C-alpha atoms as a PDB file:
ATOM      1  CA  MET A   1      98.704 106.935 106.029  1.00  0.00           C
ATOM      2  CA  SER A   2      96.321 109.837 106.409  1.00  0.00           C
ATOM      3  CA  LYS A   3      93.201 110.302 104.358  1.00  0.00           C
ATOM      4  CA  LYS A   4      93.044 114.009 105.067  1.00  0.00           C
ATOM      5  CA  GLY A   5      93.816 116.630 102.450  1.00  0.00           C
ATOM      6  CA  ASN A   6      92.526 119.731 100.712  1.00  0.00           C
ATOM      7  CA  ASN A   7      90.489 119.733  97.491  1.00  0.00           C
ATOM      8  CA  MET A   8      90.994 116.042  96.860  1.00  0.00           C
ATOM      9  CA  THR A   9      89.634 114.678  93.596  1.00  0.00           C
ATOM     10  CA  ASP A  10      87.610 111.459  93.449  1.00  0.00           C
ATOM     11  CA  GLU A  11      90.656 109.801  91.847  1.00  0.00           C
ATOM     12  CA  MET A  12      92.851 110.692  94.834  1.00  0.00           C
ATOM     13  CA  LYS A  13      90.181 109.523  97.282  1.00  0.00           C
ATOM     14  CA  GLU A  14      89.883 106.171  95.495  1.00  0.00           C
ATOM     15  CA  LEU A  15      93.665 105.745  95.590  1.00  0.00           C
ATOM     16  CA  LEU A  16      93.826 106.510  99.294  1.00  0.00           C
ATOM     17  CA  ALA A  17      90.918 104.153  99.950  1.00  0.00           C
ATOM     18  CA  GLU A  18      92.835 101.400  98.149  1.00  0.00           C
ATOM     19  CA  ILE A  19      95.900 102.073 100.297  1.00  0.00           C
ATOM     20  CA  ASN A  20      93.983 102.195 103.572  1.00  0.00           C
ATOM     21  CA  ASP A  21      91.953  99.067 102.756  1.00  0.00           C
ATOM     22  CA  ASP A  22      95.154  97.077 102.337  1.00  0.00           C
ATOM     23  CA  PRO A  23      95.946  95.471 105.727  1.00  0.00           C
ATOM     24  CA  GLU A  24      99.646  95.503 104.863  1.00  0.00           C
ATOM     25  CA  LEU A  25      99.609  99.297 104.493  1.00  0.00           C
ATOM     26  CA  SER A  26      96.845 100.851 106.564  1.00  0.00           C
ATOM     27  CA  ALA A  27      97.839 102.567 109.798  1.00  0.00           C
ATOM     28  CA  ALA A  28     101.034 100.558 110.116  1.00  0.00           C
ATOM     29  CA  PRO A  29     103.033 101.649 113.190  1.00  0.00           C
ATOM     30  CA  VAL A  30     106.537 103.000 112.752  1.00  0.00           C
ATOM     31  CA  ALA A  31     107.991  99.847 114.250  1.00  0.00           C
ATOM     32  CA  ALA A  32     106.288  97.745 111.603  1.00  0.00           C
ATOM     33  CA  GLU A  33     107.626  99.999 108.849  1.00  0.00           C
ATOM     34  CA  ASP A  34     111.131  99.703 110.263  1.00  0.00           C
ATOM     35  CA  ALA A  35     110.770  95.936 110.418  1.00  0.00           C
ATOM     36  CA  GLU A  36     109.669  95.792 106.775  1.00  0.00           C
ATOM     37  CA  ARG A  37     112.590  97.989 105.716  1.00  0.00           C
ATOM     38  CA  MET A  38     115.003  95.703 107.593  1.00  0.00           C
ATOM     39  CA  MET A  39     113.445  92.651 106.001  1.00  0.00           C
ATOM     40  CA  GLN A  40     113.714  94.177 102.516  1.00  0.00           C
ATOM     41  CA  GLU A  41     117.352  95.126 103.147  1.00  0.00           C
ATOM     42  CA  GLU A  42     118.124  91.605 104.339  1.00  0.00           C
ATOM     43  CA  VAL A  43     116.496  90.110 101.248  1.00  0.00           C
ATOM     44  CA  ALA A  44     118.522  92.456  99.049  1.00  0.00           C
ATOM     45  CA  LYS A  45     121.769  91.493 100.805  1.00  0.00           C
ATOM     46  CA  LYS A  46     121.055  87.787 100.379  1.00  0.00           C
ATOM     47  CA  ALA A  47     120.235  88.332  96.724  1.00  0.00           C
ATOM     48  CA  GLN A  48     123.508  90.166  96.137  1.00  0.00           C
ATOM     49  CA  ALA A  49     125.399  87.382  97.867  1.00  0.00           C
ATOM     50  CA  GLY A  50     123.691  84.782  95.726  1.00  0.00           C
ATOM     51  CA  SER A  51     124.095  83.869  92.115  1.00  0.00           C
ATOM     52  CA  GLY A  52     125.030  87.364  90.980  1.00  0.00           C
ATOM     53  CA  ASP A  53     122.442  87.364  88.189  1.00  0.00           C
ATOM     54  CA  LYS A  54     120.919  90.477  86.629  1.00  0.00           C
ATOM     55  CA  GLU A  55     118.089  90.767  89.155  1.00  0.00           C
ATOM     56  CA  SER A  56     120.365  90.763  92.213  1.00  0.00           C
ATOM     57  CA  ASN A  57     122.122  93.911  90.969  1.00  0.00           C
ATOM     58  CA  VAL A  58     119.007  96.055  90.616  1.00  0.00           C
ATOM     59  CA  ARG A  59     118.857  98.803  93.259  1.00  0.00           C
ATOM     60  CA  ALA A  60     115.067  98.870  93.315  1.00  0.00           C
ATOM     61  CA  LYS A  61     113.363  96.320  95.521  1.00  0.00           C
ATOM     62  CA  ALA A  62     110.219  94.350  94.920  1.00  0.00           C
ATOM     63  CA  GLY A  63     107.134  95.589  96.710  1.00  0.00           C
ATOM     64  CA  LYS A  64     104.363  98.152  96.486  1.00  0.00           C
ATOM     65  CA  TYR A  65     104.789 101.515  94.808  1.00  0.00           C
ATOM     66  CA  ILE A  66     102.555 104.538  94.344  1.00  0.00           C
ATOM     67  CA  THR A  67     102.687 105.629  90.719  1.00  0.00           C
ATOM     68  CA  PHE A  68     102.142 109.068  89.217  1.00  0.00           C
ATOM     69  CA  THR A  69     102.519 110.822  85.878  1.00  0.00           C
ATOM     70  CA  LEU A  70     104.898 113.564  84.864  1.00  0.00           C
ATOM     71  CA  ALA A  71     104.916 114.965  81.314  1.00  0.00           C
ATOM     72  CA  GLY A  72     103.166 111.850  80.031  1.00  0.00           C
ATOM     73  CA  GLU A  73     105.605 109.404  81.664  1.00  0.00           C
ATOM     74  CA  ASP A  74     104.974 107.018  84.559  1.00  0.00           C
ATOM     75  CA  TYR A  75     106.986 107.144  87.786  1.00  0.00           C
ATOM     76  CA  GLY A  76     106.843 105.216  91.044  1.00  0.00           C
ATOM     77  CA  ILE A  77     107.842 105.823  94.663  1.00  0.00           C
ATOM     78  CA  TYR A  78     108.189 103.038  97.229  1.00  0.00           C
ATOM     79  CA  ILE A  79     105.003 103.169  99.270  1.00  0.00           C
ATOM     80  CA  LEU A  80     106.629 103.394 102.705  1.00  0.00           C
ATOM     81  CA  SER A  81     108.212 106.694 101.645  1.00  0.00           C
ATOM     82  CA  VAL A  82     104.777 108.212 100.965  1.00  0.00           C
ATOM     83  CA  LYS A  83     103.116 109.724 104.018  1.00  0.00           C
ATOM     84  CA  GLU A  84     100.109 111.460 102.485  1.00  0.00           C
ATOM     85  CA  ILE A  85      98.502 112.647  99.245  1.00  0.00           C
ATOM     86  CA  ILE A  86      96.665 115.965  99.252  1.00  0.00           C
ATOM     87  CA  GLY A  87      95.057 118.245  96.726  1.00  0.00           C
ATOM     88  CA  LEU A  88      96.874 121.386  95.661  1.00  0.00           C
ATOM     89  CA  MET A  89      96.716 124.062  98.357  1.00  0.00           C
ATOM     90  CA  SER A  90      98.039 127.550  98.963  1.00  0.00           C
ATOM     91  CA  VAL A  91     101.840 127.666  98.842  1.00  0.00           C
ATOM     92  CA  THR A  92     103.823 130.478 100.476  1.00  0.00           C
ATOM     93  CA  LYS A  93     106.730 131.635  98.327  1.00  0.00           C
ATOM     94  CA  VAL A  94     110.199 131.659  99.868  1.00  0.00           C
ATOM     95  CA  PRO A  95     112.703 134.197  98.477  1.00  0.00           C
ATOM     96  CA  ARG A  96     116.133 133.230  97.159  1.00  0.00           C
ATOM     97  CA  THR A  97     115.325 129.579  96.523  1.00  0.00           C
ATOM     98  CA  PRO A  98     115.825 127.605  93.269  1.00  0.00           C
ATOM     99  CA  ASP A  99     113.078 127.862  90.664  1.00  0.00           C
ATOM    100  CA  PHE A 100     111.926 124.280  91.333  1.00  0.00           C
ATOM    101  CA  VAL A 101     111.007 125.226  94.929  1.00  0.00           C
ATOM    102  CA  ARG A 102     107.387 126.353  95.065  1.00  0.00           C
ATOM    103  CA  GLY A 103     107.602 127.403  98.704  1.00  0.00           C
ATOM    104  CA  VAL A 104     106.127 125.995 101.904  1.00  0.00           C
ATOM    105  CA  ILE A 105     102.695 124.825 103.022  1.00  0.00           C
ATOM    106  CA  ASN A 106     101.100 124.724 106.466  1.00  0.00           C
ATOM    107  CA  LEU A 107      99.513 121.297 106.753  1.00  0.00           C
ATOM    108  CA  ARG A 108      97.597 120.938 110.038  1.00  0.00           C
ATOM    109  CA  GLY A 109     100.116 123.070 111.899  1.00  0.00           C
ATOM    110  CA  LYS A 110     103.251 121.553 110.335  1.00  0.00           C
ATOM    111  CA  VAL A 111     105.287 123.409 107.723  1.00  0.00           C
ATOM    112  CA  HIS A 112     106.519 121.385 104.736  1.00  0.00           C
ATOM    113  CA  PRO A 113     108.673 122.595 101.829  1.00  0.00           C
ATOM    114  CA  VAL A 114     107.162 121.908  98.390  1.00  0.00           C
ATOM    115  CA  ILE A 115     109.052 121.343  95.131  1.00  0.00           C
ATOM    116  CA  ASP A 116     107.842 121.142  91.548  1.00  0.00           C
ATOM    117  CA  LEU A 117     109.111 117.801  90.239  1.00  0.00           C
ATOM    118  CA  ARG A 118     108.703 118.880  86.603  1.00  0.00           C
ATOM    119  CA  LYS A 119     111.103 121.775  87.135  1.00  0.00           C
ATOM    120  CA  ARG A 120     113.446 119.649  89.265  1.00  0.00           C
ATOM    121  CA  PHE A 121     113.793 117.271  86.306  1.00  0.00           C
ATOM    122  CA  GLY A 122     114.162 120.089  83.781  1.00  0.00           C
ATOM    123  CA  LEU A 123     110.821 119.405  82.081  1.00  0.00           C
ATOM    124  CA  GLU A 124     108.498 121.953  80.507  1.00  0.00           C
ATOM    125  CA  PRO A 125     106.248 123.654  83.098  1.00  0.00           C
ATOM    126  CA  LYS A 126     102.542 122.843  83.174  1.00  0.00           C
ATOM    127  CA  GLU A 127      99.560 124.779  84.462  1.00  0.00           C
ATOM    128  CA  ASP A 128      97.999 123.310  87.600  1.00  0.00           C
ATOM    129  CA  ASP A 129      94.533 121.814  87.281  1.00  0.00           C
ATOM    130  CA  ALA A 130      91.956 119.945  89.371  1.00  0.00           C
ATOM    131  CA  ARG A 131      94.020 116.732  89.231  1.00  0.00           C
ATOM    132  CA  THR A 132      97.289 118.318  90.408  1.00  0.00           C
ATOM    133  CA  PRO A 133      98.258 116.735  93.751  1.00  0.00           C
ATOM    134  CA  ILE A 134     100.989 117.203  96.318  1.00  0.00           C
ATOM    135  CA  ILE A 135     102.586 113.970  97.535  1.00  0.00           C
ATOM    136  CA  ILE A 136     104.065 114.281 101.024  1.00  0.00           C
ATOM    137  CA  VAL A 137     107.115 112.035 101.223  1.00  0.00           C
ATOM    138  CA  GLU A 138     109.635 111.125 103.903  1.00  0.00           C
ATOM    139  CA  VAL A 139     113.243 111.793 102.936  1.00  0.00           C
ATOM    140  CA  VAL A 140     116.099 110.169 104.866  1.00  0.00           C
ATOM    141  CA  LYS A 141     119.588 111.521 104.318  1.00  0.00           C
ATOM    142  CA  GLU A 142     122.599 111.235 106.609  1.00  0.00           C
ATOM    143  CA  ASP A 143     120.442 110.037 109.532  1.00  0.00           C
ATOM    144  CA  THR A 144     118.153 113.064 109.168  1.00  0.00           C
ATOM    145  CA  VAL A 145     114.449 112.553 108.430  1.00  0.00           C
ATOM    146  CA  SER A 146     112.573 115.316 106.609  1.00  0.00           C
ATOM    147  CA  HIS A 147     109.128 115.638 105.077  1.00  0.00           C
ATOM    148  CA  LEU A 148     108.785 117.158 101.646  1.00  0.00           C
ATOM    149  CA  GLY A 149     105.891 117.883  99.314  1.00  0.00           C
ATOM    150  CA  ILE A 150     106.327 117.098  95.625  1.00  0.00           C
ATOM    151  CA  VAL A 151     103.976 118.446  92.969  1.00  0.00           C
ATOM    152  CA  VAL A 152     103.278 115.994  90.118  1.00  0.00           C
ATOM    153  CA  ASP A 153     100.801 115.963  87.229  1.00  0.00           C
ATOM    154  CA  SER A 154      98.470 113.310  88.694  1.00  0.00           C
ATOM    155  CA  VAL A 155      98.515 110.231  90.899  1.00  0.00           C
ATOM    156  CA  SER A 156      97.699 106.912  89.253  1.00  0.00           C
ATOM    157  CA  GLU A 157      97.518 103.753  91.347  1.00  0.00           C
ATOM    158  CA  VAL A 158      99.229 101.413  93.780  1.00  0.00           C
ATOM    159  CA  ILE A 159     101.101  98.650  91.997  1.00  0.00           C
ATOM    160  CA  ASN A 160     102.889  95.539  93.200  1.00  0.00           C
ATOM    161  CA  VAL A 161     106.270  95.094  91.514  1.00  0.00           C
ATOM    162  CA  ASN A 162     107.802  91.619  91.446  1.00  0.00           C
ATOM    163  CA  ARG A 163     111.560  91.143  91.314  1.00  0.00           C
ATOM    164  CA  GLU A 164     111.446  89.630  87.829  1.00  0.00           C
ATOM    165  CA  GLU A 165     109.782  92.836  86.580  1.00  0.00           C
ATOM    166  CA  LEU A 166     112.717  95.022  87.663  1.00  0.00           C
ATOM    167  CA  GLU A 167     115.466  96.272  85.362  1.00  0.00           C
ATOM    168  CA  ASN A 168     118.574  98.359  85.942  1.00  0.00           C
ATOM    169  CA  THR A 169     118.661 101.994  84.870  1.00  0.00           C
ATOM    170  CA  PRO A 170     120.174 102.231  81.365  1.00  0.00           C
ATOM    171  CA  SER A 171     123.508 104.017  81.110  1.00  0.00           C
ATOM    172  CA  PHE A 172     123.250 107.522  79.656  1.00  0.00           C
ATOM    173  CA  GLY A 173     126.923 108.440  79.952  1.00  0.00           C
ATOM    174  CA  VAL A 174     129.029 109.907  82.744  1.00  0.00           C
ATOM    175  CA  ASP A 175     127.722 113.463  82.262  1.00  0.00           C
ATOM    176  CA  LEU A 176     124.120 112.628  83.164  1.00  0.00           C
ATOM    177  CA  ASP A 177     123.292 112.070  86.830  1.00  0.00           C
ATOM    178  CA  THR A 178     120.678 109.329  87.208  1.00  0.00           C
ATOM    179  CA  ASP A 179     121.533 108.321  90.766  1.00  0.00           C
ATOM    180  CA  PHE A 180     118.002 109.267  91.878  1.00  0.00           C
ATOM    181  CA  ILE A 181     116.588 106.534  89.612  1.00  0.00           C
ATOM    182  CA  LEU A 182     116.384 103.165  91.365  1.00  0.00           C
ATOM    183  CA  GLY A 183     115.546 101.250  88.210  1.00  0.00           C
ATOM    184  CA  LEU A 184     112.738 100.442  85.809  1.00  0.00           C
ATOM    185  CA  ALA A 185     109.657  98.303  86.352  1.00  0.00           C
ATOM    186  CA  LYS A 186     107.867  96.586  83.473  1.00  0.00           C
ATOM    187  CA  VAL A 187     104.291  96.213  84.722  1.00  0.00           C
ATOM    188  CA  ASN A 188     101.107  95.759  82.670  1.00  0.00           C
ATOM    189  CA  LYS A 189     102.908  96.543  79.408  1.00  0.00           C
ATOM    190  CA  LYS A 190     104.144  99.864  80.806  1.00  0.00           C
ATOM    191  CA  VAL A 191     107.651 100.944  81.760  1.00  0.00           C
ATOM    192  CA  ILE A 192     107.668 102.790  85.089  1.00  0.00           C
ATOM    193  CA  THR A 193     110.683 104.747  86.323  1.00  0.00           C
ATOM    194  CA  LEU A 194     111.219 104.031  90.026  1.00  0.00           C
ATOM    195  CA  LEU A 195     112.628 106.971  91.981  1.00  0.00           C
ATOM    196  CA  ASP A 196     114.911 107.017  95.014  1.00  0.00           C
ATOM    197  CA  ILE A 197     113.154 109.810  96.887  1.00  0.00           C
ATOM    198  CA  ASP A 198     116.120 110.170  99.264  1.00  0.00           C
ATOM    199  CA  LYS A 199     118.295 111.273  96.336  1.00  0.00           C
ATOM    200  CA  ILE A 200     115.907 113.642  94.548  1.00  0.00           C
ATOM    201  CA  LEU A 201     117.648 116.521  96.328  1.00  0.00           C
ATOM    202  CA  THR A 202     121.244 116.978  97.481  1.00  0.00           C
ATOM    203  CA  SER A 203     122.112 117.328 101.169  1.00  0.00           C
ATOM    204  CA  ARG A 204     122.756 121.036 100.619  1.00  0.00           C
ATOM    205  CA  GLN A 205     119.374 121.540  98.972  1.00  0.00           C
ATOM    206  CA  LEU A 206     117.612 119.722 101.811  1.00  0.00           C
ATOM    207  CA  VAL A 207     119.339 121.911 104.399  1.00  0.00           C
ATOM    208  CA  MET A 208     118.275 124.986 102.430  1.00  0.00           C
ATOM    209  CA  LEU A 209     114.652 123.781 102.376  1.00  0.00           C
ATOM    210  CA  GLU A 210     114.709 123.043 106.088  1.00  0.00           C
ATOM    211  CA  ASP A 211     116.007 126.581 106.700  1.00  0.00           C
ATOM    212  CA  SER A 212     113.153 127.954 104.566  1.00  0.00           C
ATOM    213  CA  LYS A 213     110.655 126.587 107.102  1.00  0.00           C
ATOM    214  CA  GLN A 214     111.941 128.919 109.785  1.00  0.00           C
END
């Protein structure tokens, strides 16, 4: 996981230092990441084939998550999906894209689409400030791997979520799509919404964003 970024606050630097100082996370090769994913999937399969209790049905898996805030609420993304955290930088607008798409950034020669997660979730917009970061995440959909920047209010910390701290997403009725929510984590007296980053956008929206890089 890279330490590089633009206009990083001390808070972001401390978070990245914590990540890179962890031997389980720092500079892990792709093969190691794949092995961990396979191991987690195998554990999940065994759990589902087991006693069938509440914990075995939770989509979210135990492990480390990077947490961030959005409109005063706490969210988490599985740490292997996070590639980099950078300070807010110049974003090039792309015409004829949804309002939650900020545009694209050129990060060390690579172009990444950037979305505003507040707008994607239908929340009230907020002015950017010195703490506003962009989290670069890896999105896997239909065997296609993409990299996407998401703008959030601020990054918080790396947390370790145990299986007993996981809860299913409450039902909000058939008209509300919550498929992008993996579940809830109750950690340190806080409730954290865990996101499935691969389902934040639809396949059509991802294709549109990839086309915007051209």
